Amino acid sequence: MKEGVFIGPQIRDTIKDEYFDTLLQGDEKSAWDSFKFLVKGFLGNRRAQNYEELVNNHLQSYQKLGCIMSEKYTSFTRIWIFSQRTVVQ
């Protein structure tokens, strides 16, 4: 696996790879788990009821790793969640 941008098939293969999970520890494992939950519960065909929590956990776990998340990404995510709330209500 090389550093870079993952696309759908690569993401699915990596999520299924049990060995990859054994290589991670601590905050890296937490960030990876939050990403997997986000993919399964937010980006799939069915959105989990707790998708807001999934997104926030994902952002927080990557920030713990020292990742600098694009302000556009975090703002878009929060705006999108807010818009979904107002549509549902």
N, C-alpha and C. Protein backbone atom coordinates (compact mmCIF):
# COMPACT_ATOMS: atom_id res chain seq x y z
N MET A 1 0.85 -1.17 0.00
CA MET A 1 0.00 0.00 0.00
C MET A 1 0.89 1.23 0.00
N LYS A 2 0.55 2.17 -0.83
CA LYS A 2 1.30 3.41 -0.91
C LYS A 2 0.50 4.55 -0.33
N GLU A 3 1.21 5.58 0.07
CA GLU A 3 0.58 6.79 0.55
C GLU A 3 -0.12 7.45 -0.62
N GLY A 4 -1.28 8.03 -0.36
CA GLY A 4 -1.98 8.72 -1.43
C GLY A 4 -3.47 8.75 -1.21
N VAL A 5 -4.20 8.87 -2.29
CA VAL A 5 -5.65 8.96 -2.24
C VAL A 5 -6.23 7.58 -2.52
N PHE A 6 -7.15 7.16 -1.67
CA PHE A 6 -7.81 5.87 -1.87
C PHE A 6 -9.12 6.08 -2.61
N ILE A 7 -9.44 5.10 -3.44
CA ILE A 7 -10.74 5.12 -4.12
C ILE A 7 -11.54 3.92 -3.61
N GLY A 8 -12.80 3.85 -3.98
CA GLY A 8 -13.73 2.84 -3.47
C GLY A 8 -13.19 1.43 -3.32
N PRO A 9 -12.71 0.80 -4.40
CA PRO A 9 -12.24 -0.58 -4.28
C PRO A 9 -11.07 -0.73 -3.29
N GLN A 10 -10.17 0.23 -3.27
CA GLN A 10 -9.04 0.16 -2.34
C GLN A 10 -9.52 0.31 -0.89
N ILE A 11 -10.48 1.18 -0.68
CA ILE A 11 -11.03 1.36 0.67
C ILE A 11 -11.69 0.07 1.13
N ARG A 12 -12.52 -0.53 0.28
CA ARG A 12 -13.21 -1.77 0.65
C ARG A 12 -12.21 -2.89 0.95
N ASP A 13 -11.18 -3.01 0.12
CA ASP A 13 -10.18 -4.05 0.34
C ASP A 13 -9.44 -3.84 1.66
N THR A 14 -9.10 -2.62 1.97
CA THR A 14 -8.36 -2.33 3.19
C THR A 14 -9.24 -2.55 4.42
N ILE A 15 -10.50 -2.20 4.33
CA ILE A 15 -11.42 -2.43 5.45
C ILE A 15 -11.58 -3.92 5.72
N LYS A 16 -11.61 -4.72 4.69
CA LYS A 16 -11.75 -6.17 4.84
C LYS A 16 -10.47 -6.85 5.32
N ASP A 17 -9.34 -6.20 5.16
CA ASP A 17 -8.05 -6.79 5.51
C ASP A 17 -7.85 -6.84 7.02
N GLU A 18 -7.98 -8.03 7.62
CA GLU A 18 -7.84 -8.20 9.06
C GLU A 18 -6.41 -7.96 9.52
N TYR A 19 -5.44 -8.26 8.68
CA TYR A 19 -4.04 -8.06 9.05
C TYR A 19 -3.73 -6.58 9.24
N PHE A 20 -4.32 -5.74 8.41
CA PHE A 20 -4.08 -4.30 8.53
C PHE A 20 -4.48 -3.79 9.91
N ASP A 21 -5.61 -4.30 10.43
CA ASP A 21 -6.05 -3.91 11.77
C ASP A 21 -5.03 -4.26 12.84
N THR A 22 -4.33 -5.37 12.66
CA THR A 22 -3.35 -5.79 13.68
C THR A 22 -2.10 -4.91 13.69
N LEU A 23 -1.86 -4.20 12.62
CA LEU A 23 -0.68 -3.34 12.54
C LEU A 23 -0.84 -2.03 13.29
N LEU A 24 -2.07 -1.65 13.58
CA LEU A 24 -2.34 -0.34 14.18
C LEU A 24 -2.54 -0.47 15.69
N GLN A 25 -2.13 0.60 16.40
CA GLN A 25 -2.30 0.64 17.85
C GLN A 25 -2.64 2.06 18.28
N GLY A 26 -3.25 2.17 19.44
CA GLY A 26 -3.49 3.47 20.05
C GLY A 26 -4.37 4.38 19.21
N ASP A 27 -3.90 5.63 19.06
CA ASP A 27 -4.68 6.63 18.32
C ASP A 27 -4.84 6.27 16.85
N GLU A 28 -3.85 5.59 16.26
CA GLU A 28 -3.97 5.18 14.86
C GLU A 28 -5.12 4.19 14.70
N LYS A 29 -5.22 3.24 15.62
CA LYS A 29 -6.29 2.25 15.58
C LYS A 29 -7.64 2.93 15.78
N SER A 30 -7.68 3.87 16.70
CA SER A 30 -8.92 4.62 16.95
C SER A 30 -9.36 5.39 15.72
N ALA A 31 -8.41 6.05 15.06
CA ALA A 31 -8.73 6.81 13.84
C ALA A 31 -9.20 5.88 12.72
N TRP A 32 -8.55 4.74 12.57
CA TRP A 32 -8.94 3.78 11.54
C TRP A 32 -10.34 3.23 11.81
N ASP A 33 -10.61 2.89 13.08
CA ASP A 33 -11.93 2.38 13.42
C ASP A 33 -13.01 3.42 13.16
N SER A 34 -12.72 4.68 13.50
CA SER A 34 -13.72 5.73 13.26
C SER A 34 -13.95 5.91 11.76
N PHE A 35 -12.90 5.75 10.96
CA PHE A 35 -13.06 5.84 9.51
C PHE A 35 -13.94 4.70 8.99
N LYS A 36 -13.69 3.48 9.49
CA LYS A 36 -14.51 2.34 9.06
C LYS A 36 -15.97 2.54 9.43
N PHE A 37 -16.22 3.01 10.66
CA PHE A 37 -17.60 3.26 11.07
C PHE A 37 -18.24 4.34 10.21
N LEU A 38 -17.46 5.35 9.86
CA LEU A 38 -17.97 6.43 9.02
C LEU A 38 -18.33 5.91 7.63
N VAL A 39 -17.48 5.09 7.05
CA VAL A 39 -17.74 4.52 5.72
C VAL A 39 -19.01 3.68 5.75
N LYS A 40 -19.12 2.83 6.76
CA LYS A 40 -20.27 1.92 6.82
C LYS A 40 -21.56 2.61 7.22
N GLY A 41 -21.48 3.62 8.09
CA GLY A 41 -22.69 4.21 8.62
C GLY A 41 -23.09 5.55 8.03
N PHE A 42 -22.24 6.12 7.20
CA PHE A 42 -22.54 7.45 6.68
C PHE A 42 -22.40 7.52 5.17
N LEU A 43 -21.40 6.88 4.63
CA LEU A 43 -21.14 7.00 3.20
C LEU A 43 -21.79 5.90 2.37
N GLY A 44 -22.37 4.91 3.03
CA GLY A 44 -23.01 3.82 2.31
C GLY A 44 -24.39 4.19 1.82
N ASN A 45 -25.13 3.18 1.39
CA ASN A 45 -26.47 3.41 0.87
C ASN A 45 -27.47 3.74 1.96
N ARG A 46 -27.18 3.28 3.17
CA ARG A 46 -28.09 3.55 4.29
C ARG A 46 -27.34 4.35 5.35
N ARG A 47 -27.94 5.43 5.77
CA ARG A 47 -27.31 6.30 6.76
C ARG A 47 -27.72 5.88 8.16
N ALA A 48 -26.75 5.70 9.03
CA ALA A 48 -27.02 5.33 10.41
C ALA A 48 -27.73 6.48 11.13
N GLN A 49 -28.50 6.13 12.13
CA GLN A 49 -29.22 7.15 12.90
C GLN A 49 -28.23 8.08 13.62
N ASN A 50 -27.08 7.55 14.00
CA ASN A 50 -26.10 8.34 14.74
C ASN A 50 -24.99 8.89 13.83
N TYR A 51 -25.34 9.24 12.61
CA TYR A 51 -24.32 9.67 11.66
C TYR A 51 -23.58 10.92 12.12
N GLU A 52 -24.25 11.79 12.85
CA GLU A 52 -23.56 12.99 13.37
C GLU A 52 -22.43 12.59 14.31
N GLU A 53 -22.71 11.65 15.16
CA GLU A 53 -21.71 11.15 16.10
C GLU A 53 -20.55 10.50 15.35
N LEU A 54 -20.86 9.74 14.30
CA LEU A 54 -19.81 9.09 13.51
C LEU A 54 -18.89 10.13 12.88
N VAL A 55 -19.46 11.17 12.31
CA VAL A 55 -18.66 12.22 11.67
C VAL A 55 -17.81 12.94 12.70
N ASN A 56 -18.41 13.31 13.83
CA ASN A 56 -17.65 14.02 14.86
C ASN A 56 -16.53 13.16 15.45
N ASN A 57 -16.81 11.87 15.67
CA ASN A 57 -15.76 10.96 16.17
C ASN A 57 -14.62 10.86 15.17
N HIS A 58 -14.98 10.80 13.90
CA HIS A 58 -13.98 10.71 12.84
C HIS A 58 -13.07 11.95 12.86
N LEU A 59 -13.67 13.12 12.91
CA LEU A 59 -12.89 14.36 12.93
C LEU A 59 -11.99 14.44 14.17
N GLN A 60 -12.54 14.10 15.33
CA GLN A 60 -11.77 14.16 16.57
C GLN A 60 -10.62 13.18 16.59
N SER A 61 -10.84 11.97 16.09
CA SER A 61 -9.77 10.97 16.13
C SER A 61 -8.62 11.34 15.19
N TYR A 62 -8.94 11.94 14.06
CA TYR A 62 -7.87 12.37 13.16
C TYR A 62 -7.14 13.59 13.69
N GLN A 63 -7.83 14.46 14.41
CA GLN A 63 -7.18 15.60 15.03
C GLN A 63 -6.22 15.15 16.12
N LYS A 64 -6.56 14.07 16.86
CA LYS A 64 -5.66 13.52 17.88
C LYS A 64 -4.34 13.06 17.26
N LEU A 65 -4.42 12.60 16.02
CA LEU A 65 -3.21 12.16 15.32
C LEU A 65 -2.37 13.33 14.82
N GLY A 66 -2.92 14.52 14.93
CA GLY A 66 -2.20 15.70 14.45
C GLY A 66 -2.49 16.03 13.01
N CYS A 67 -3.50 15.38 12.45
CA CYS A 67 -3.89 15.67 11.07
C CYS A 67 -4.57 17.03 11.03
N ILE A 68 -4.21 17.80 10.06
CA ILE A 68 -4.84 19.10 9.88
C ILE A 68 -5.94 18.91 8.85
N MET A 69 -7.17 18.91 9.35
CA MET A 69 -8.31 18.72 8.47
C MET A 69 -8.63 20.05 7.81
N SER A 70 -8.91 19.98 6.57
CA SER A 70 -9.28 21.18 5.82
C SER A 70 -10.48 21.85 6.47
N GLU A 71 -10.41 23.14 6.63
CA GLU A 71 -11.55 23.87 7.20
C GLU A 71 -12.77 23.72 6.29
N LYS A 72 -12.53 23.59 4.99
CA LYS A 72 -13.64 23.38 4.06
C LYS A 72 -14.34 22.06 4.36
N TYR A 73 -13.54 21.02 4.66
CA TYR A 73 -14.09 19.70 4.95
C TYR A 73 -14.94 19.74 6.21
N THR A 74 -14.39 20.29 7.29
CA THR A 74 -15.13 20.31 8.54
C THR A 74 -16.34 21.21 8.45
N SER A 75 -16.22 22.34 7.79
CA SER A 75 -17.37 23.24 7.63
C SER A 75 -18.45 22.60 6.77
N PHE A 76 -18.04 21.98 5.67
CA PHE A 76 -19.00 21.32 4.79
C PHE A 76 -19.75 20.23 5.55
N THR A 77 -19.01 19.44 6.32
CA THR A 77 -19.63 18.34 7.06
C THR A 77 -20.67 18.87 8.03
N ARG A 78 -20.31 19.90 8.77
CA ARG A 78 -21.24 20.44 9.76
C ARG A 78 -22.43 21.13 9.09
N ILE A 79 -22.21 21.82 8.00
CA ILE A 79 -23.31 22.46 7.27
C ILE A 79 -24.24 21.40 6.70
N TRP A 80 -23.67 20.32 6.16
CA TRP A 80 -24.47 19.26 5.59
C TRP A 80 -25.33 18.61 6.67
N ILE A 81 -24.75 18.35 7.84
CA ILE A 81 -25.51 17.75 8.94
C ILE A 81 -26.64 18.69 9.36
N PHE A 82 -26.34 19.98 9.48
CA PHE A 82 -27.36 20.94 9.86
C PHE A 82 -28.49 20.97 8.83
N SER A 83 -28.14 20.94 7.57
CA SER A 83 -29.18 20.99 6.53
C SER A 83 -30.04 19.73 6.57
N GLN A 84 -29.45 18.60 6.90
CA GLN A 84 -30.23 17.38 7.00
C GLN A 84 -31.19 17.44 8.18
N ARG A 85 -30.75 18.05 9.27
CA ARG A 85 -31.62 18.21 10.43
C ARG A 85 -32.83 19.07 10.11
N THR A 86 -32.59 20.17 9.40
CA THR A 86 -33.70 21.08 9.11
C THR A 86 -34.67 20.49 8.11
N VAL A 87 -34.19 19.66 7.21
CA VAL A 87 -35.08 19.01 6.23
C VAL A 87 -35.96 18.00 6.93
N VAL A 88 -35.40 17.26 7.89
CA VAL A 88 -36.14 16.22 8.58
C VAL A 88 -37.19 16.81 9.50
N GLN A 89 -36.90 17.93 10.14
CA GLN A 89 -37.83 18.49 11.13
C GLN A 89 -38.99 19.14 10.51
